[in-house]
Amino acid sequence: MDTFALVVTIAVALFFTYTNGFHDSANAIATSVSTRALTPKAALAMAAVMNLLGAFLGQGVAETVSKGLIATPTGQHGMAVLFAALAGAVVWNLTTWYFGLPSSSSHALFGGLVGAALAGGTAVHWNGVVDKVVVPMFLSPVVGLLVGYLIMMAILWFFRRSNPHKAKRGFRIAQTISAAGMALGHGLQDAQKTMGVVVLALVINDPSRGFGIPVWVKLVCALMMSLGTYAGGWRIMRTLGRRIIELDPPQGFAAETTSAGILYTTAYLFKVPVSTTHVITSAIMGVGATKRVKAVRWGVAKNIVGGWFITMPAAGVVAAILFWLIQAIFA
């Protein structure tokens, strides 16, 4: 196998991880920054460190990505499929980042994999795509909305006789913990997705090596995501932190706690890759609805949800076009 093709594909995978970091850094810290629990620089530094640590906490999601979605393509053809999948995801990430739309980097990657596989004649494990991607894509936002609502209602009930100003100060401190937990869950979920793709590239290059994840793969993927996180995602942060609803510290704490719990549960119990963007956005909506339904800017929320539905097919189309271009150029 051409070593150059392997190196280029892994480089694109790591660049995808970097874009994932700055694209999704808002997921972990937008609520803490908007409530002034953390300064932007402190929040980004914390998120970068916790993303790095989270990447080493498991590998179930990575195994799902590397083996559960598409058949392992072979040879130069297989490497072209993987390269096109990653490039399609990167293009979609950069496009949605430019417009400040918190779409899912995860589903951009999955869409890219399916689109490139179909274009290249590689079998798609449709049962795996449906069970591990599509069903969680629809369920996780619903769970985030409901759990966020319930946790916020519980907070309102438990602290109903507390001094509002003292309670908000306490929750502002507590948000440093909930934001760290959210960032740890983001590293646990999203860094593993790229690990799975890098392992798939290594298997295409050498089918005899198996699907084990080398330590260096974990390290470089975690570092690239952390660097991307520290670079920041200010456009998306503004959307999540202020445009959906003006959050206060108790609401921010409830949204982050909800999101972190869902990320850990899906990674450890079900080993399914869920979108941190979907989870935190829906949790913010659920938390905001406890104030009053009209407090949530549902028009902004509708645009975000629309972005969720087009992410996979859009990234898939881009990946397919890139695959055909690669074939035309190097055939």
C-alpha atoms as a PDB file:
ATOM      1  CA  MET A   1       0.000   0.000   0.000  1.00  0.00           C
ATOM      2  CA  ASP A   2       1.203   3.506  -0.817  1.00  0.00           C
ATOM      3  CA  THR A   3       2.501   4.992   2.430  1.00  0.00           C
ATOM      4  CA  PHE A   4       1.924   8.500   1.076  1.00  0.00           C
ATOM      5  CA  ALA A   5      -1.812   7.831   0.674  1.00  0.00           C
ATOM      6  CA  LEU A   6      -1.976   6.541   4.261  1.00  0.00           C
ATOM      7  CA  VAL A   7      -0.151   9.593   5.643  1.00  0.00           C
ATOM      8  CA  VAL A   8      -2.352  12.022   3.704  1.00  0.00           C
ATOM      9  CA  THR A   9      -5.543  10.285   4.836  1.00  0.00           C
ATOM     10  CA  ILE A  10      -4.464  10.314   8.493  1.00  0.00           C
ATOM     11  CA  ALA A  11      -3.489  13.990   8.141  1.00  0.00           C
ATOM     12  CA  VAL A  12      -6.971  14.812   6.838  1.00  0.00           C
ATOM     13  CA  ALA A  13      -8.478  12.802   9.717  1.00  0.00           C
ATOM     14  CA  LEU A  14      -6.474  14.832  12.212  1.00  0.00           C
ATOM     15  CA  PHE A  15      -7.502  18.073  10.497  1.00  0.00           C
ATOM     16  CA  PHE A  16     -11.116  16.921  10.781  1.00  0.00           C
ATOM     17  CA  THR A  17     -10.510  16.409  14.509  1.00  0.00           C
ATOM     18  CA  TYR A  18      -9.101  19.928  14.727  1.00  0.00           C
ATOM     19  CA  THR A  19     -12.185  21.385  12.991  1.00  0.00           C
ATOM     20  CA  ASN A  20     -14.344  19.251  15.270  1.00  0.00           C
ATOM     21  CA  GLY A  21     -12.590  20.850  18.233  1.00  0.00           C
ATOM     22  CA  PHE A  22     -13.128  24.471  17.246  1.00  0.00           C
ATOM     23  CA  HIS A  23     -16.547  23.705  15.737  1.00  0.00           C
ATOM     24  CA  ASP A  24     -17.823  21.989  18.871  1.00  0.00           C
ATOM     25  CA  SER A  25     -15.899  23.835  21.588  1.00  0.00           C
ATOM     26  CA  ALA A  26     -19.022  25.944  22.001  1.00  0.00           C
ATOM     27  CA  ASN A  27     -20.926  22.832  23.082  1.00  0.00           C
ATOM     28  CA  ALA A  28     -19.030  22.597  26.338  1.00  0.00           C
ATOM     29  CA  ILE A  29     -18.547  26.229  27.249  1.00  0.00           C
ATOM     30  CA  ALA A  30     -21.166  28.477  25.622  1.00  0.00           C
ATOM     31  CA  THR A  31     -23.535  28.260  28.568  1.00  0.00           C
ATOM     32  CA  SER A  32     -20.778  28.935  31.135  1.00  0.00           C
ATOM     33  CA  VAL A  33     -19.468  31.912  29.182  1.00  0.00           C
ATOM     34  CA  SER A  34     -22.931  33.381  28.569  1.00  0.00           C
ATOM     35  CA  THR A  35     -23.760  33.233  32.302  1.00  0.00           C
ATOM     36  CA  ARG A  36     -20.308  34.670  33.143  1.00  0.00           C
ATOM     37  CA  ALA A  37     -19.429  31.622  35.216  1.00  0.00           C
ATOM     38  CA  LEU A  38     -16.166  31.440  33.243  1.00  0.00           C
ATOM     39  CA  THR A  39     -14.249  33.881  31.096  1.00  0.00           C
ATOM     40  CA  PRO A  40     -13.904  32.797  27.452  1.00  0.00           C
ATOM     41  CA  LYS A  41     -10.158  32.127  27.736  1.00  0.00           C
ATOM     42  CA  ALA A  42     -10.486  30.159  30.966  1.00  0.00           C
ATOM     43  CA  ALA A  43     -13.409  28.194  29.548  1.00  0.00           C
ATOM     44  CA  LEU A  44     -11.523  27.304  26.373  1.00  0.00           C
ATOM     45  CA  ALA A  45      -8.426  26.215  28.308  1.00  0.00           C
ATOM     46  CA  MET A  46     -10.541  24.057  30.627  1.00  0.00           C
ATOM     47  CA  ALA A  47     -12.431  22.516  27.703  1.00  0.00           C
ATOM     48  CA  ALA A  48      -9.178  21.726  25.878  1.00  0.00           C
ATOM     49  CA  VAL A  49      -7.728  19.901  28.894  1.00  0.00           C
ATOM     50  CA  MET A  50     -10.929  17.968  29.610  1.00  0.00           C
ATOM     51  CA  ASN A  51     -11.291  16.996  25.940  1.00  0.00           C
ATOM     52  CA  LEU A  52      -7.771  15.566  26.094  1.00  0.00           C
ATOM     53  CA  LEU A  53      -8.548  13.540  29.215  1.00  0.00           C
ATOM     54  CA  GLY A  54     -11.914  12.361  27.905  1.00  0.00           C
ATOM     55  CA  ALA A  55     -10.333  10.861  24.809  1.00  0.00           C
ATOM     56  CA  PHE A  56      -8.594   8.220  26.942  1.00  0.00           C
ATOM     57  CA  LEU A  57     -11.675   7.069  28.873  1.00  0.00           C
ATOM     58  CA  GLY A  58     -12.937   4.391  26.483  1.00  0.00           C
ATOM     59  CA  GLN A  59     -12.980   2.993  22.965  1.00  0.00           C
ATOM     60  CA  GLY A  60     -16.477   1.595  22.391  1.00  0.00           C
ATOM     61  CA  VAL A  61     -17.502   4.495  20.161  1.00  0.00           C
ATOM     62  CA  ALA A  62     -14.274   4.175  18.136  1.00  0.00           C
ATOM     63  CA  GLU A  63     -14.972   0.497  17.503  1.00  0.00           C
ATOM     64  CA  THR A  64     -18.482   1.321  16.291  1.00  0.00           C
ATOM     65  CA  VAL A  65     -17.136   3.883  13.820  1.00  0.00           C
ATOM     66  CA  SER A  66     -14.307   1.697  12.520  1.00  0.00           C
ATOM     67  CA  LYS A  67     -16.303  -1.530  12.093  1.00  0.00           C
ATOM     68  CA  GLY A  68     -20.025  -0.890  12.407  1.00  0.00           C
ATOM     69  CA  LEU A  69     -20.986   1.554   9.637  1.00  0.00           C
ATOM     70  CA  ILE A  70     -19.310   0.510   6.380  1.00  0.00           C
ATOM     71  CA  ALA A  71     -17.487  -2.589   5.173  1.00  0.00           C
ATOM     72  CA  THR A  72     -13.719  -2.246   5.301  1.00  0.00           C
ATOM     73  CA  PRO A  73     -12.686  -1.100   1.810  1.00  0.00           C
ATOM     74  CA  THR A  74      -9.385  -2.384   0.459  1.00  0.00           C
ATOM     75  CA  GLY A  75      -6.340  -1.063  -1.387  1.00  0.00           C
ATOM     76  CA  GLN A  76      -5.923   2.334  -2.970  1.00  0.00           C
ATOM     77  CA  HIS A  77      -9.619   2.353  -3.773  1.00  0.00           C
ATOM     78  CA  GLY A  78     -10.418   1.959  -0.074  1.00  0.00           C
ATOM     79  CA  MET A  79      -8.074   4.756   0.922  1.00  0.00           C
ATOM     80  CA  ALA A  80      -9.747   7.017  -1.653  1.00  0.00           C
ATOM     81  CA  VAL A  81     -13.137   6.237  -0.098  1.00  0.00           C
ATOM     82  CA  LEU A  82     -11.875   7.145   3.364  1.00  0.00           C
ATOM     83  CA  PHE A  83     -10.113  10.303   2.156  1.00  0.00           C
ATOM     84  CA  ALA A  84     -13.267  11.511   0.373  1.00  0.00           C
ATOM     85  CA  ALA A  85     -15.395  10.778   3.459  1.00  0.00           C
ATOM     86  CA  LEU A  86     -13.134  12.858   5.680  1.00  0.00           C
ATOM     87  CA  ALA A  87     -12.818  15.680   3.165  1.00  0.00           C
ATOM     88  CA  GLY A  88     -16.607  15.861   2.820  1.00  0.00           C
ATOM     89  CA  ALA A  89     -16.981  16.124   6.595  1.00  0.00           C
ATOM     90  CA  VAL A  90     -14.317  18.853   6.790  1.00  0.00           C
ATOM     91  CA  VAL A  91     -16.007  20.898   4.044  1.00  0.00           C
ATOM     92  CA  TRP A  92     -19.345  20.710   5.828  1.00  0.00           C
ATOM     93  CA  ASN A  93     -17.775  21.590   9.189  1.00  0.00           C
ATOM     94  CA  LEU A  94     -16.113  24.685   7.763  1.00  0.00           C
ATOM     95  CA  THR A  95     -19.283  25.749   5.949  1.00  0.00           C
ATOM     96  CA  THR A  96     -21.504  25.501   9.020  1.00  0.00           C
ATOM     97  CA  TRP A  97     -18.848  27.131  11.207  1.00  0.00           C
ATOM     98  CA  TYR A  98     -18.689  30.096   8.814  1.00  0.00           C
ATOM     99  CA  PHE A  99     -22.445  30.620   9.056  1.00  0.00           C
ATOM    100  CA  GLY A 100     -22.484  30.061  12.825  1.00  0.00           C
ATOM    101  CA  LEU A 101     -24.752  27.020  12.605  1.00  0.00           C
ATOM    102  CA  PRO A 102     -24.173  24.416  15.339  1.00  0.00           C
ATOM    103  CA  SER A 103     -24.497  21.362  13.137  1.00  0.00           C
ATOM    104  CA  SER A 104     -23.056  18.008  14.126  1.00  0.00           C
ATOM    105  CA  SER A 105     -19.451  17.195  13.256  1.00  0.00           C
ATOM    106  CA  SER A 106     -20.273  13.588  14.107  1.00  0.00           C
ATOM    107  CA  HIS A 107     -23.055  13.324  11.565  1.00  0.00           C
ATOM    108  CA  ALA A 108     -20.963  15.144   8.991  1.00  0.00           C
ATOM    109  CA  LEU A 109     -18.411  12.345   9.411  1.00  0.00           C
ATOM    110  CA  PHE A 110     -21.041   9.599   9.242  1.00  0.00           C
ATOM    111  CA  GLY A 111     -22.650  11.194   6.197  1.00  0.00           C
ATOM    112  CA  GLY A 112     -19.234  11.448   4.556  1.00  0.00           C
ATOM    113  CA  LEU A 113     -18.503   7.772   5.230  1.00  0.00           C
ATOM    114  CA  VAL A 114     -21.826   6.590   3.805  1.00  0.00           C
ATOM    115  CA  GLY A 115     -21.684   8.939   0.784  1.00  0.00           C
ATOM    116  CA  ALA A 116     -18.118   7.984  -0.148  1.00  0.00           C
ATOM    117  CA  ALA A 117     -18.836   4.287   0.402  1.00  0.00           C
ATOM    118  CA  LEU A 118     -21.868   4.378  -1.890  1.00  0.00           C
ATOM    119  CA  ALA A 119     -19.940   6.309  -4.542  1.00  0.00           C
ATOM    120  CA  GLY A 120     -17.082   3.817  -4.336  1.00  0.00           C
ATOM    121  CA  GLY A 121     -19.195   0.670  -4.395  1.00  0.00           C
ATOM    122  CA  THR A 122     -18.330  -0.216  -0.783  1.00  0.00           C
ATOM    123  CA  ALA A 123     -21.022  -1.992   1.230  1.00  0.00           C
ATOM    124  CA  VAL A 124     -22.811   0.060   3.872  1.00  0.00           C
ATOM    125  CA  HIS A 125     -23.935  -1.699   7.062  1.00  0.00           C
ATOM    126  CA  TRP A 126     -27.406  -0.187   6.996  1.00  0.00           C
ATOM    127  CA  ASN A 127     -28.463  -1.916  10.219  1.00  0.00           C
ATOM    128  CA  GLY A 128     -25.496  -0.322  11.948  1.00  0.00           C
ATOM    129  CA  VAL A 129     -26.210   3.090  10.410  1.00  0.00           C
ATOM    130  CA  VAL A 130     -29.841   2.948  11.518  1.00  0.00           C
ATOM    131  CA  ASP A 131     -29.227   1.486  15.000  1.00  0.00           C
ATOM    132  CA  LYS A 132     -26.032   3.358  15.855  1.00  0.00           C
ATOM    133  CA  VAL A 133     -26.552   6.677  14.054  1.00  0.00           C
ATOM    134  CA  VAL A 134     -30.087   7.422  12.861  1.00  0.00           C
ATOM    135  CA  VAL A 135     -32.025   6.223  15.919  1.00  0.00           C
ATOM    136  CA  PRO A 136     -29.700   8.001  18.400  1.00  0.00           C
ATOM    137  CA  MET A 137     -29.833  11.092  16.167  1.00  0.00           C
ATOM    138  CA  PHE A 138     -33.575  11.334  16.743  1.00  0.00           C
ATOM    139  CA  LEU A 139     -33.711  10.017  20.310  1.00  0.00           C
ATOM    140  CA  SER A 140     -30.853  11.971  21.906  1.00  0.00           C
ATOM    141  CA  PRO A 141     -32.385  15.440  21.303  1.00  0.00           C
ATOM    142  CA  VAL A 142     -35.752  14.243  22.645  1.00  0.00           C
ATOM    143  CA  VAL A 143     -34.060  12.827  25.742  1.00  0.00           C
ATOM    144  CA  GLY A 144     -31.994  16.018  26.101  1.00  0.00           C
ATOM    145  CA  LEU A 145     -35.131  18.167  25.896  1.00  0.00           C
ATOM    146  CA  LEU A 146     -37.092  16.116  28.430  1.00  0.00           C
ATOM    147  CA  VAL A 147     -34.262  15.516  30.906  1.00  0.00           C
ATOM    148  CA  GLY A 148     -33.165  19.159  30.737  1.00  0.00           C
ATOM    149  CA  TYR A 149     -36.726  20.237  31.492  1.00  0.00           C
ATOM    150  CA  LEU A 150     -37.045  17.799  34.411  1.00  0.00           C
ATOM    151  CA  ILE A 151     -33.679  18.670  35.962  1.00  0.00           C
ATOM    152  CA  MET A 152     -34.464  22.372  35.759  1.00  0.00           C
ATOM    153  CA  MET A 153     -37.883  21.806  37.346  1.00  0.00           C
ATOM    154  CA  ALA A 154     -36.191  19.862  40.159  1.00  0.00           C
ATOM    155  CA  ILE A 155     -33.719  22.715  40.725  1.00  0.00           C
ATOM    156  CA  LEU A 156     -36.564  25.252  40.838  1.00  0.00           C
ATOM    157  CA  TRP A 157     -38.406  23.124  43.397  1.00  0.00           C
ATOM    158  CA  PHE A 158     -35.422  22.403  45.668  1.00  0.00           C
ATOM    159  CA  PHE A 159     -34.300  26.029  45.705  1.00  0.00           C
ATOM    160  CA  ARG A 160     -37.748  27.615  45.758  1.00  0.00           C
ATOM    161  CA  ARG A 161     -37.167  29.181  49.196  1.00  0.00           C
ATOM    162  CA  SER A 162     -33.529  30.157  48.606  1.00  0.00           C
ATOM    163  CA  ASN A 163     -32.299  33.691  48.136  1.00  0.00           C
ATOM    164  CA  PRO A 164     -32.192  34.074  44.317  1.00  0.00           C
ATOM    165  CA  HIS A 165     -28.943  36.057  44.286  1.00  0.00           C
ATOM    166  CA  LYS A 166     -27.125  33.596  46.562  1.00  0.00           C
ATOM    167  CA  ALA A 167     -28.435  30.645  44.588  1.00  0.00           C
ATOM    168  CA  LYS A 168     -27.220  32.128  41.309  1.00  0.00           C
ATOM    169  CA  ARG A 169     -23.770  32.745  42.770  1.00  0.00           C
ATOM    170  CA  GLY A 170     -23.622  29.132  43.923  1.00  0.00           C
ATOM    171  CA  PHE A 171     -24.700  27.800  40.550  1.00  0.00           C
ATOM    172  CA  ARG A 172     -22.177  30.011  38.809  1.00  0.00           C
ATOM    173  CA  ILE A 173     -19.474  28.186  40.777  1.00  0.00           C
ATOM    174  CA  ALA A 174     -21.140  24.829  40.154  1.00  0.00           C
ATOM    175  CA  GLN A 175     -21.084  25.538  36.431  1.00  0.00           C
ATOM    176  CA  THR A 176     -17.310  25.211  36.369  1.00  0.00           C
ATOM    177  CA  ILE A 177     -17.836  21.552  37.341  1.00  0.00           C
ATOM    178  CA  SER A 178     -20.741  20.902  34.974  1.00  0.00           C
ATOM    179  CA  ALA A 179     -18.907  22.553  32.061  1.00  0.00           C
ATOM    180  CA  ALA A 180     -15.837  20.417  32.796  1.00  0.00           C
ATOM    181  CA  GLY A 181     -18.042  17.314  32.824  1.00  0.00           C
ATOM    182  CA  MET A 182     -19.554  18.329  29.492  1.00  0.00           C
ATOM    183  CA  ALA A 183     -16.089  18.862  27.972  1.00  0.00           C
ATOM    184  CA  LEU A 184     -14.931  15.479  29.303  1.00  0.00           C
ATOM    185  CA  GLY A 185     -17.940  13.836  27.672  1.00  0.00           C
ATOM    186  CA  HIS A 186     -17.199  15.642  24.413  1.00  0.00           C
ATOM    187  CA  GLY A 187     -13.674  14.219  24.420  1.00  0.00           C
ATOM    188  CA  LEU A 188     -15.025  10.767  25.269  1.00  0.00           C
ATOM    189  CA  GLN A 189     -17.441  10.863  22.329  1.00  0.00           C
ATOM    190  CA  ASP A 190     -15.891  12.958  19.573  1.00  0.00           C
ATOM    191  CA  ALA A 191     -12.185  12.126  19.840  1.00  0.00           C
ATOM    192  CA  GLN A 192     -13.082   8.435  19.650  1.00  0.00           C
ATOM    193  CA  LYS A 193     -14.900   8.961  16.350  1.00  0.00           C
ATOM    194  CA  THR A 194     -11.698  10.114  14.684  1.00  0.00           C
ATOM    195  CA  MET A 195      -9.733   7.342  16.367  1.00  0.00           C
ATOM    196  CA  GLY A 196     -12.067   4.880  14.670  1.00  0.00           C
ATOM    197  CA  VAL A 197     -11.414   6.454  11.264  1.00  0.00           C
ATOM    198  CA  VAL A 198      -7.621   6.452  11.747  1.00  0.00           C
ATOM    199  CA  VAL A 199      -7.744   2.784  12.767  1.00  0.00           C
ATOM    200  CA  LEU A 200      -9.811   2.064   9.651  1.00  0.00           C
ATOM    201  CA  ALA A 201      -7.088   3.724   7.541  1.00  0.00           C
ATOM    202  CA  LEU A 202      -4.441   1.577   9.235  1.00  0.00           C
ATOM    203  CA  VAL A 203      -6.469  -1.579   8.556  1.00  0.00           C
ATOM    204  CA  ILE A 204      -6.917  -0.633   4.887  1.00  0.00           C
ATOM    205  CA  ASN A 205      -3.156  -0.176   4.698  1.00  0.00           C
ATOM    206  CA  ASP A 206      -2.457  -3.473   6.513  1.00  0.00           C
ATOM    207  CA  PRO A 207      -5.482  -5.790   6.906  1.00  0.00           C
ATOM    208  CA  SER A 208      -3.515  -8.145   9.160  1.00  0.00           C
ATOM    209  CA  ARG A 209      -3.084  -5.603  11.966  1.00  0.00           C
ATOM    210  CA  GLY A 210      -6.632  -5.797  13.357  1.00  0.00           C
ATOM    211  CA  PHE A 211      -8.812  -3.032  14.814  1.00  0.00           C
ATOM    212  CA  GLY A 212      -6.949  -2.361  18.056  1.00  0.00           C
ATOM    213  CA  ILE A 213      -6.345   1.326  18.832  1.00  0.00           C
ATOM    214  CA  PRO A 214      -2.639   2.166  19.297  1.00  0.00           C
ATOM    215  CA  VAL A 215      -1.750   4.605  22.064  1.00  0.00           C
ATOM    216  CA  TRP A 216      -0.241   7.050  19.562  1.00  0.00           C
ATOM    217  CA  VAL A 217      -3.588   7.224  17.724  1.00  0.00           C
ATOM    218  CA  LYS A 218      -5.386   8.107  20.950  1.00  0.00           C
ATOM    219  CA  LEU A 219      -2.765  10.703  21.788  1.00  0.00           C
ATOM    220  CA  VAL A 220      -2.617  12.537  18.458  1.00  0.00           C
ATOM    221  CA  CYS A 221      -6.412  12.555  18.050  1.00  0.00           C
ATOM    222  CA  ALA A 222      -6.858  13.889  21.578  1.00  0.00           C
ATOM    223  CA  LEU A 223      -4.187  16.551  21.091  1.00  0.00           C
ATOM    224  CA  MET A 224      -5.609  17.759  17.785  1.00  0.00           C
ATOM    225  CA  MET A 225      -9.097  18.032  19.248  1.00  0.00           C
ATOM    226  CA  SER A 226      -7.732  19.934  22.237  1.00  0.00           C
ATOM    227  CA  LEU A 227      -5.835  22.341  19.987  1.00  0.00           C
ATOM    228  CA  GLY A 228      -8.950  22.899  17.926  1.00  0.00           C
ATOM    229  CA  THR A 229     -10.994  23.474  21.055  1.00  0.00           C
ATOM    230  CA  TYR A 230      -8.553  26.080  22.304  1.00  0.00           C
ATOM    231  CA  ALA A 231      -8.745  27.855  18.949  1.00  0.00           C
ATOM    232  CA  GLY A 232     -12.387  28.480  19.798  1.00  0.00           C
ATOM    233  CA  GLY A 233     -15.667  28.580  17.954  1.00  0.00           C
ATOM    234  CA  TRP A 234     -16.976  32.043  18.673  1.00  0.00           C
ATOM    235  CA  ARG A 235     -19.672  32.176  15.996  1.00  0.00           C
ATOM    236  CA  ILE A 236     -21.363  29.004  17.217  1.00  0.00           C
ATOM    237  CA  MET A 237     -20.812  29.952  20.852  1.00  0.00           C
ATOM    238  CA  ARG A 238     -22.882  33.091  20.285  1.00  0.00           C
ATOM    239  CA  THR A 239     -25.733  31.027  18.807  1.00  0.00           C
ATOM    240  CA  LEU A 240     -25.840  28.505  21.654  1.00  0.00           C
ATOM    241  CA  GLY A 241     -25.133  30.934  24.469  1.00  0.00           C
ATOM    242  CA  ARG A 242     -27.479  33.789  23.642  1.00  0.00           C
ATOM    243  CA  ARG A 243     -29.609  33.407  20.528  1.00  0.00           C
ATOM    244  CA  ILE A 244     -31.664  30.401  21.680  1.00  0.00           C
ATOM    245  CA  ILE A 245     -32.387  31.844  25.133  1.00  0.00           C
ATOM    246  CA  GLU A 246     -30.707  34.146  27.647  1.00  0.00           C
ATOM    247  CA  LEU A 247     -29.430  31.666  30.229  1.00  0.00           C
ATOM    248  CA  ASP A 248     -28.848  32.223  33.937  1.00  0.00           C
ATOM    249  CA  PRO A 249     -26.428  30.096  36.026  1.00  0.00           C
ATOM    250  CA  PRO A 250     -28.994  27.521  37.280  1.00  0.00           C
ATOM    251  CA  GLN A 251     -30.199  26.997  33.706  1.00  0.00           C
ATOM    252  CA  GLY A 252     -26.644  26.674  32.434  1.00  0.00           C
ATOM    253  CA  PHE A 253     -25.842  24.124  35.137  1.00  0.00           C
ATOM    254  CA  ALA A 254     -28.967  22.093  34.310  1.00  0.00           C
ATOM    255  CA  ALA A 255     -28.215  22.067  30.562  1.00  0.00           C
ATOM    256  CA  GLU A 256     -24.574  21.050  31.027  1.00  0.00           C
ATOM    257  CA  THR A 257     -25.384  18.360  33.588  1.00  0.00           C
ATOM    258  CA  THR A 258     -28.051  16.910  31.301  1.00  0.00           C
ATOM    259  CA  SER A 259     -25.685  16.834  28.341  1.00  0.00           C
ATOM    260  CA  ALA A 260     -22.788  15.285  30.250  1.00  0.00           C
ATOM    261  CA  GLY A 261     -25.024  12.520  31.613  1.00  0.00           C
ATOM    262  CA  ILE A 262     -26.326  11.614  28.148  1.00  0.00           C
ATOM    263  CA  LEU A 263     -22.821  11.591  26.638  1.00  0.00           C
ATOM    264  CA  TYR A 264     -21.459   9.230  29.310  1.00  0.00           C
ATOM    265  CA  THR A 265     -24.490   6.929  29.175  1.00  0.00           C
ATOM    266  CA  THR A 266     -24.440   6.535  25.392  1.00  0.00           C
ATOM    267  CA  ALA A 267     -20.665   6.020  25.273  1.00  0.00           C
ATOM    268  CA  TYR A 268     -20.385   3.465  28.079  1.00  0.00           C
ATOM    269  CA  LEU A 269     -23.715   1.605  28.084  1.00  0.00           C
ATOM    270  CA  PHE A 270     -24.669   1.618  24.412  1.00  0.00           C
ATOM    271  CA  LYS A 271     -21.356   2.419  22.672  1.00  0.00           C
ATOM    272  CA  VAL A 272     -23.199   4.634  20.196  1.00  0.00           C
ATOM    273  CA  PRO A 273     -21.811   7.895  18.817  1.00  0.00           C
ATOM    274  CA  VAL A 274     -24.199  10.740  19.575  1.00  0.00           C
ATOM    275  CA  SER A 275     -23.858  14.376  18.642  1.00  0.00           C
ATOM    276  CA  THR A 276     -22.754  16.658  21.454  1.00  0.00           C
ATOM    277  CA  THR A 277     -24.305  19.515  19.457  1.00  0.00           C
ATOM    278  CA  HIS A 278     -27.726  17.843  19.348  1.00  0.00           C
ATOM    279  CA  VAL A 279     -27.615  17.010  23.037  1.00  0.00           C
ATOM    280  CA  ILE A 280     -26.585  20.409  24.416  1.00  0.00           C
ATOM    281  CA  THR A 281     -28.870  22.358  22.072  1.00  0.00           C
ATOM    282  CA  SER A 282     -31.926  20.300  22.990  1.00  0.00           C
ATOM    283  CA  ALA A 283     -31.016  20.479  26.689  1.00  0.00           C
ATOM    284  CA  ILE A 284     -30.864  24.292  26.458  1.00  0.00           C
ATOM    285  CA  MET A 285     -34.316  24.281  24.840  1.00  0.00           C
ATOM    286  CA  GLY A 286     -35.736  22.023  27.561  1.00  0.00           C
ATOM    287  CA  VAL A 287     -34.234  24.104  30.336  1.00  0.00           C
ATOM    288  CA  GLY A 288     -35.460  27.325  28.765  1.00  0.00           C
ATOM    289  CA  ALA A 289     -38.990  26.008  28.404  1.00  0.00           C
ATOM    290  CA  THR A 290     -39.334  25.839  32.212  1.00  0.00           C
ATOM    291  CA  LYS A 291     -39.319  29.626  32.327  1.00  0.00           C
ATOM    292  CA  ARG A 292     -42.073  29.825  29.762  1.00  0.00           C
ATOM    293  CA  VAL A 293     -42.420  28.213  26.368  1.00  0.00           C
ATOM    294  CA  LYS A 294     -42.153  31.549  24.562  1.00  0.00           C
ATOM    295  CA  ALA A 295     -38.850  32.311  26.318  1.00  0.00           C
ATOM    296  CA  VAL A 296     -37.115  29.979  23.854  1.00  0.00           C
ATOM    297  CA  ARG A 297     -36.490  31.562  20.474  1.00  0.00           C
ATOM    298  CA  TRP A 298     -38.046  28.707  18.542  1.00  0.00           C
ATOM    299  CA  GLY A 299     -37.309  30.340  15.181  1.00  0.00           C
ATOM    300  CA  VAL A 300     -33.574  30.030  15.851  1.00  0.00           C
ATOM    301  CA  ALA A 301     -34.133  26.526  17.209  1.00  0.00           C
ATOM    302  CA  LYS A 302     -36.011  25.570  14.028  1.00  0.00           C
ATOM    303  CA  ASN A 303     -33.065  26.688  11.865  1.00  0.00           C
ATOM    304  CA  ILE A 304     -30.686  24.631  13.993  1.00  0.00           C
ATOM    305  CA  VAL A 305     -32.884  21.529  13.782  1.00  0.00           C
ATOM    306  CA  GLY A 306     -33.100  22.014  10.019  1.00  0.00           C
ATOM    307  CA  GLY A 307     -29.302  21.946   9.934  1.00  0.00           C
ATOM    308  CA  TRP A 308     -29.352  18.617  11.770  1.00  0.00           C
ATOM    309  CA  PHE A 309     -31.477  16.970   9.085  1.00  0.00           C
ATOM    310  CA  ILE A 310     -29.406  18.142   6.141  1.00  0.00           C
ATOM    311  CA  THR A 311     -25.971  17.484   7.657  1.00  0.00           C
ATOM    312  CA  MET A 312     -25.653  13.772   6.835  1.00  0.00           C
ATOM    313  CA  PRO A 313     -26.986  13.939   3.262  1.00  0.00           C
ATOM    314  CA  ALA A 314     -25.084  17.158   2.519  1.00  0.00           C
ATOM    315  CA  ALA A 315     -21.760  15.790   3.766  1.00  0.00           C
ATOM    316  CA  GLY A 316     -22.513  12.537   1.949  1.00  0.00           C
ATOM    317  CA  VAL A 317     -23.078  14.302  -1.369  1.00  0.00           C
ATOM    318  CA  VAL A 318     -19.875  16.320  -0.988  1.00  0.00           C
ATOM    319  CA  ALA A 319     -17.923  13.147  -0.143  1.00  0.00           C
ATOM    320  CA  ALA A 320     -19.359  11.311  -3.146  1.00  0.00           C
ATOM    321  CA  ILE A 321     -18.432  14.165  -5.505  1.00  0.00           C
ATOM    322  CA  LEU A 322     -14.913  14.283  -4.073  1.00  0.00           C
ATOM    323  CA  PHE A 323     -14.536  10.521  -4.532  1.00  0.00           C
ATOM    324  CA  TRP A 324     -15.550  10.756  -8.202  1.00  0.00           C
ATOM    325  CA  LEU A 325     -13.111  13.649  -8.689  1.00  0.00           C
ATOM    326  CA  ILE A 326     -10.293  11.625  -7.123  1.00  0.00           C
ATOM    327  CA  GLN A 327     -11.102   8.682  -9.374  1.00  0.00           C
ATOM    328  CA  ALA A 328     -11.209  10.906 -12.462  1.00  0.00           C
ATOM    329  CA  ILE A 329      -7.881  12.543 -11.644  1.00  0.00           C
ATOM    330  CA  PHE A 330      -5.919   9.451 -10.638  1.00  0.00           C
ATOM    331  CA  ALA A 331      -7.590   6.797 -12.769  1.00  0.00           C
END
